[in-house]
């Protein structure tokens, strides 16, 4: 009986580690997107609308990856 409880606890920890690893990529991606967007705005302020729209689109895609990463440990 103790072996089953240990196995259940181990599976829960593996899911948490899996999400932690899945959150690293989108976190780095969001940092790159907004860092480069800030540089682009500094270089060409007249293109602010287009740059900001592309930033938001990239941010949404990166966050979608994070949300998929949080769902996967529950599915598998």
Protein backbone atom coordinates (compact mmCIF):
# COMPACT_ATOMS: atom_id res chain seq x y z
CA UNK A 1 0.00 0.00 0.00
CA UNK A 2 2.85 2.39 0.78
CA UNK A 3 4.34 1.73 -2.65
CA UNK A 4 1.14 2.94 -4.36
CA UNK A 5 1.12 6.14 -2.31
CA UNK A 6 4.77 6.76 -3.16
CA UNK A 7 4.07 6.16 -6.85
CA UNK A 8 1.12 8.58 -6.79
CA UNK A 9 3.23 11.26 -5.10
CA UNK A 10 6.02 10.72 -7.63
CA UNK A 11 3.64 11.08 -10.58
CA UNK A 12 2.33 14.38 -9.19
CA UNK A 13 5.86 15.72 -8.84
CA UNK A 14 6.75 14.67 -12.38
CA UNK A 15 3.76 16.64 -13.67
CA UNK A 16 4.95 19.74 -11.82
CA UNK A 17 8.45 19.37 -13.22
CA UNK A 18 6.99 18.90 -16.69
CA UNK A 19 5.06 22.14 -16.46
CA UNK A 20 8.10 23.95 -15.09
CA UNK A 21 10.11 22.86 -18.11
CA UNK A 22 7.24 23.77 -20.43
CA UNK A 23 7.06 27.29 -18.96
CA UNK A 24 10.73 28.06 -19.58
CA UNK A 25 10.38 28.34 -23.37
CA UNK A 26 7.42 30.72 -23.42
CA UNK A 27 9.01 32.82 -20.67
CA UNK A 28 12.17 33.28 -22.71
CA UNK A 29 10.10 33.88 -25.84
CA UNK A 30 8.05 36.64 -24.24
CA UNK A 31 11.23 38.33 -23.04
CA UNK A 32 12.73 38.22 -26.52
CA UNK A 33 9.53 39.51 -28.14
CA UNK A 34 9.17 42.53 -25.87
CA UNK A 35 12.92 43.25 -25.80
CA UNK A 36 13.13 43.34 -29.58
CA UNK A 37 9.86 45.26 -29.78
CA UNK A 38 11.26 47.93 -27.50
CA UNK A 39 14.36 48.21 -29.68
CA UNK A 40 12.21 48.45 -32.81
CA UNK A 41 10.08 51.21 -31.25
CA UNK A 42 13.23 53.13 -30.33
CA UNK A 43 14.53 52.90 -33.90
CA UNK A 44 11.27 53.60 -35.74
CA UNK A 45 8.68 55.33 -33.55
CA UNK A 46 6.47 56.05 -36.57
CA UNK A 47 5.78 52.32 -36.97
CA UNK A 48 4.52 51.95 -33.39
CA UNK A 49 1.08 50.61 -34.35
CA UNK A 50 2.43 47.81 -36.54
CA UNK A 51 5.19 46.90 -34.10
CA UNK A 52 2.81 46.79 -31.14
CA UNK A 53 0.31 44.63 -33.06
CA UNK A 54 3.05 42.15 -33.93
CA UNK A 55 4.24 42.14 -30.32
CA UNK A 56 0.78 41.29 -29.04
CA UNK A 57 0.35 38.53 -31.63
CA UNK A 58 3.70 36.98 -30.71
CA UNK A 59 2.88 37.27 -27.02
CA UNK A 60 -0.42 35.45 -27.57
CA UNK A 61 1.32 32.60 -29.39
CA UNK A 62 3.95 32.25 -26.65
CA UNK A 63 1.33 32.23 -23.92
CA UNK A 64 -0.68 29.64 -25.84
CA UNK A 65 2.36 27.36 -25.62
CA UNK A 66 2.46 27.90 -21.86
CA UNK A 67 -1.23 27.04 -21.55
CA UNK A 68 -0.75 23.90 -23.61
CA UNK A 69 2.15 23.03 -21.32
CA UNK A 70 -0.04 23.34 -18.22
CA UNK A 71 -2.72 21.07 -19.71
CA UNK A 72 -0.44 18.28 -20.94
CA UNK A 73 0.53 16.84 -17.52
CA UNK A 74 -3.18 16.39 -16.78
CA UNK A 75 -3.89 14.70 -20.12
CA UNK A 76 -1.00 12.22 -20.13
